Amino acid sequence: MARARIPEGDGLSAVAEALTASASRDATATAVRFLLQALADKVPGNAVEVRVPPFGAVQCIEGPRHTRGTPPNVIEMDAPTWLALATGRAAWPDVMASGVVHASGTRATLEPYLPVYRPR
């Protein structure tokens, strides 16, 4: 069963709130899920799994599909890092150099696909 989509208005509102210092956990969760949804829409596929625990995960980027167990290409990070990357407030090479993103597999990069949304 497919997960319910976050409407654009709700998602953009959550992103705006999540980028503030006083963001609620609910707004952060919705923003993370909305931006993951936007990534999967922008780069459909099943070759890479992007995880932002505990809020969500998506599969994206074309390539070999995995069907069971741990996927061969995994990218995992915390919510603040994902929000910064997805909105263009941080660059992929910088977060990779800092060690806050764990990426494994030959296709485990998001650099060509970021940002997925730029707030005004």
C-alpha atoms as a PDB file:
ATOM      1  CA  MET A   1       0.000   0.000   0.000  1.00  0.00           C
ATOM      2  CA  ALA A   2       1.392   3.381  -1.001  1.00  0.00           C
ATOM      3  CA  ARG A   3       2.040   6.015   1.606  1.00  0.00           C
ATOM      4  CA  ALA A   4      -0.264   9.051   1.522  1.00  0.00           C
ATOM      5  CA  ARG A   5       1.262  12.035  -0.264  1.00  0.00           C
ATOM      6  CA  ILE A   6       1.822  15.274   1.585  1.00  0.00           C
ATOM      7  CA  PRO A   7      -0.024  18.088  -0.194  1.00  0.00           C
ATOM      8  CA  GLU A   8       2.301  20.798  -1.523  1.00  0.00           C
ATOM      9  CA  GLY A   9       0.811  23.579   0.618  1.00  0.00           C
ATOM     10  CA  ASP A  10       1.192  21.545   3.802  1.00  0.00           C
ATOM     11  CA  GLY A  11       4.705  20.497   2.857  1.00  0.00           C
ATOM     12  CA  LEU A  12       5.925  23.980   1.996  1.00  0.00           C
ATOM     13  CA  SER A  13       4.447  25.361   5.199  1.00  0.00           C
ATOM     14  CA  ALA A  14       6.184  22.647   7.212  1.00  0.00           C
ATOM     15  CA  VAL A  15       9.505  23.332   5.459  1.00  0.00           C
ATOM     16  CA  ALA A  16       9.252  27.038   6.276  1.00  0.00           C
ATOM     17  CA  GLU A  17       8.631  26.236   9.946  1.00  0.00           C
ATOM     18  CA  ALA A  18      11.246  23.468  10.103  1.00  0.00           C
ATOM     19  CA  LEU A  19      13.935  25.902   8.989  1.00  0.00           C
ATOM     20  CA  THR A  20      13.341  28.075  12.056  1.00  0.00           C
ATOM     21  CA  ALA A  21      14.993  27.634  15.445  1.00  0.00           C
ATOM     22  CA  SER A  22      11.628  27.046  17.148  1.00  0.00           C
ATOM     23  CA  ALA A  23      10.376  24.313  14.807  1.00  0.00           C
ATOM     24  CA  SER A  24       8.088  21.704  16.308  1.00  0.00           C
ATOM     25  CA  ARG A  25       8.832  18.002  15.956  1.00  0.00           C
ATOM     26  CA  ASP A  26       5.652  17.598  13.869  1.00  0.00           C
ATOM     27  CA  ALA A  27       6.712  20.343  11.447  1.00  0.00           C
ATOM     28  CA  THR A  28      10.183  18.842  11.164  1.00  0.00           C
ATOM     29  CA  ALA A  29       8.750  15.379  10.499  1.00  0.00           C
ATOM     30  CA  THR A  30       6.371  16.691   7.833  1.00  0.00           C
ATOM     31  CA  ALA A  31       9.107  18.780   6.203  1.00  0.00           C
ATOM     32  CA  VAL A  32      11.511  15.837   6.082  1.00  0.00           C
ATOM     33  CA  ARG A  33       8.871  13.553   4.558  1.00  0.00           C
ATOM     34  CA  PHE A  34       7.774  16.212   2.070  1.00  0.00           C
ATOM     35  CA  LEU A  35      11.341  16.817   0.891  1.00  0.00           C
ATOM     36  CA  LEU A  36      11.980  13.069   0.619  1.00  0.00           C
ATOM     37  CA  GLN A  37       8.786  12.826  -1.427  1.00  0.00           C
ATOM     38  CA  ALA A  38      10.049  15.674  -3.646  1.00  0.00           C
ATOM     39  CA  LEU A  39      13.389  13.861  -4.128  1.00  0.00           C
ATOM     40  CA  ALA A  40      11.636  10.638  -5.144  1.00  0.00           C
ATOM     41  CA  ASP A  41       9.456  12.619  -7.574  1.00  0.00           C
ATOM     42  CA  LYS A  42      12.495  14.396  -9.050  1.00  0.00           C
ATOM     43  CA  VAL A  43      14.650  11.266  -9.403  1.00  0.00           C
ATOM     44  CA  PRO A  44      12.403   8.203  -9.538  1.00  0.00           C
ATOM     45  CA  GLY A  45      13.906   4.769  -9.209  1.00  0.00           C
ATOM     46  CA  ASN A  46      14.835   2.088  -6.713  1.00  0.00           C
ATOM     47  CA  ALA A  47      18.633   1.954  -6.753  1.00  0.00           C
ATOM     48  CA  VAL A  48      19.316   4.175  -3.726  1.00  0.00           C
ATOM     49  CA  GLU A  49      17.554   4.319  -0.390  1.00  0.00           C
ATOM     50  CA  VAL A  50      17.696   7.662   1.424  1.00  0.00           C
ATOM     51  CA  ARG A  51      16.974   7.385   5.137  1.00  0.00           C
ATOM     52  CA  VAL A  52      16.289  10.178   7.610  1.00  0.00           C
ATOM     53  CA  PRO A  53      15.494   8.380  10.858  1.00  0.00           C
ATOM     54  CA  PRO A  54      13.113   8.423  12.574  1.00  0.00           C
ATOM     55  CA  PHE A  55      11.035  10.407  10.087  1.00  0.00           C
ATOM     56  CA  GLY A  56      11.205   8.629   6.756  1.00  0.00           C
ATOM     57  CA  ALA A  57      12.965   6.922   3.886  1.00  0.00           C
ATOM     58  CA  VAL A  58      12.514   6.773   0.130  1.00  0.00           C
ATOM     59  CA  GLN A  59      13.961   4.893  -2.773  1.00  0.00           C
ATOM     60  CA  CYS A  60      15.119   6.930  -5.738  1.00  0.00           C
ATOM     61  CA  ILE A  61      17.555   7.083  -8.658  1.00  0.00           C
ATOM     62  CA  GLU A  62      17.369   4.691 -11.581  1.00  0.00           C
ATOM     63  CA  GLY A  63      19.485   1.589 -11.568  1.00  0.00           C
ATOM     64  CA  PRO A  64      19.486  -1.978 -10.335  1.00  0.00           C
ATOM     65  CA  ARG A  65      16.503  -2.698  -8.139  1.00  0.00           C
ATOM     66  CA  HIS A  66      16.861  -4.559  -4.877  1.00  0.00           C
ATOM     67  CA  THR A  67      13.999  -6.624  -3.531  1.00  0.00           C
ATOM     68  CA  ARG A  68      15.061  -8.013  -0.150  1.00  0.00           C
ATOM     69  CA  GLY A  69      17.286  -7.083   2.739  1.00  0.00           C
ATOM     70  CA  THR A  70      19.509  -4.061   2.987  1.00  0.00           C
ATOM     71  CA  PRO A  71      19.801  -2.216  -0.309  1.00  0.00           C
ATOM     72  CA  PRO A  72      23.297  -1.982  -1.818  1.00  0.00           C
ATOM     73  CA  ASN A  73      23.159   1.840  -1.996  1.00  0.00           C
ATOM     74  CA  VAL A  74      22.112   3.596   1.200  1.00  0.00           C
ATOM     75  CA  ILE A  75      22.375   7.202   2.295  1.00  0.00           C
ATOM     76  CA  GLU A  76      21.483   8.043   5.888  1.00  0.00           C
ATOM     77  CA  MET A  77      21.528  11.330   7.780  1.00  0.00           C
ATOM     78  CA  ASP A  78      19.745  13.229  10.522  1.00  0.00           C
ATOM     79  CA  ALA A  79      16.847  15.611   9.928  1.00  0.00           C
ATOM     80  CA  PRO A  80      18.762  18.921  10.205  1.00  0.00           C
ATOM     81  CA  THR A  81      21.317  17.704   7.660  1.00  0.00           C
ATOM     82  CA  TRP A  82      18.607  16.546   5.236  1.00  0.00           C
ATOM     83  CA  LEU A  83      16.718  19.833   5.566  1.00  0.00           C
ATOM     84  CA  ALA A  84      19.917  21.783   4.882  1.00  0.00           C
ATOM     85  CA  LEU A  85      20.842  19.667   1.848  1.00  0.00           C
ATOM     86  CA  ALA A  86      17.352  19.508   0.384  1.00  0.00           C
ATOM     87  CA  THR A  87      16.891  23.297   0.610  1.00  0.00           C
ATOM     88  CA  GLY A  88      20.339  24.271  -0.642  1.00  0.00           C
ATOM     89  CA  ARG A  89      21.590  25.539   2.718  1.00  0.00           C
ATOM     90  CA  ALA A  90      24.395  22.961   2.687  1.00  0.00           C
ATOM     91  CA  ALA A  91      26.438  21.409  -0.102  1.00  0.00           C
ATOM     92  CA  TRP A  92      26.883  17.658  -0.579  1.00  0.00           C
ATOM     93  CA  PRO A  93      30.718  17.728  -0.553  1.00  0.00           C
ATOM     94  CA  ASP A  94      30.733  19.714   2.702  1.00  0.00           C
ATOM     95  CA  VAL A  95      28.392  17.382   4.577  1.00  0.00           C
ATOM     96  CA  MET A  96      30.248  14.339   3.261  1.00  0.00           C
ATOM     97  CA  ALA A  97      33.545  15.809   4.453  1.00  0.00           C
ATOM     98  CA  SER A  98      32.052  16.512   7.890  1.00  0.00           C
ATOM     99  CA  GLY A  99      31.050  12.869   8.358  1.00  0.00           C
ATOM    100  CA  VAL A 100      27.402  13.546   9.241  1.00  0.00           C
ATOM    101  CA  VAL A 101      26.128  11.617   6.207  1.00  0.00           C
ATOM    102  CA  HIS A 102      26.673   7.885   5.950  1.00  0.00           C
ATOM    103  CA  ALA A 103      26.679   6.734   2.330  1.00  0.00           C
ATOM    104  CA  SER A 104      27.496   3.283   1.029  1.00  0.00           C
ATOM    105  CA  GLY A 105      27.375   1.877  -2.455  1.00  0.00           C
ATOM    106  CA  THR A 106      28.568   2.986  -5.861  1.00  0.00           C
ATOM    107  CA  ARG A 107      25.436   5.046  -6.548  1.00  0.00           C
ATOM    108  CA  ALA A 108      25.169   6.583  -3.078  1.00  0.00           C
ATOM    109  CA  THR A 109      25.371  10.265  -3.943  1.00  0.00           C
ATOM    110  CA  LEU A 110      22.711  12.948  -4.089  1.00  0.00           C
ATOM    111  CA  GLU A 111      24.951  15.763  -5.329  1.00  0.00           C
ATOM    112  CA  PRO A 112      23.487  15.985  -8.878  1.00  0.00           C
ATOM    113  CA  TYR A 113      19.919  16.134  -7.531  1.00  0.00           C
ATOM    114  CA  LEU A 114      20.207  18.764  -4.800  1.00  0.00           C
ATOM    115  CA  PRO A 115      18.601  20.977  -3.789  1.00  0.00           C
ATOM    116  CA  VAL A 116      15.117  19.597  -4.258  1.00  0.00           C
ATOM    117  CA  TYR A 117      13.487  22.836  -3.083  1.00  0.00           C
ATOM    118  CA  ARG A 118      14.755  26.383  -2.546  1.00  0.00           C
ATOM    119  CA  PRO A 119      12.783  28.468  -0.053  1.00  0.00           C
ATOM    120  CA  ARG A 120      12.206  32.071  -1.020  1.00  0.00           C
END
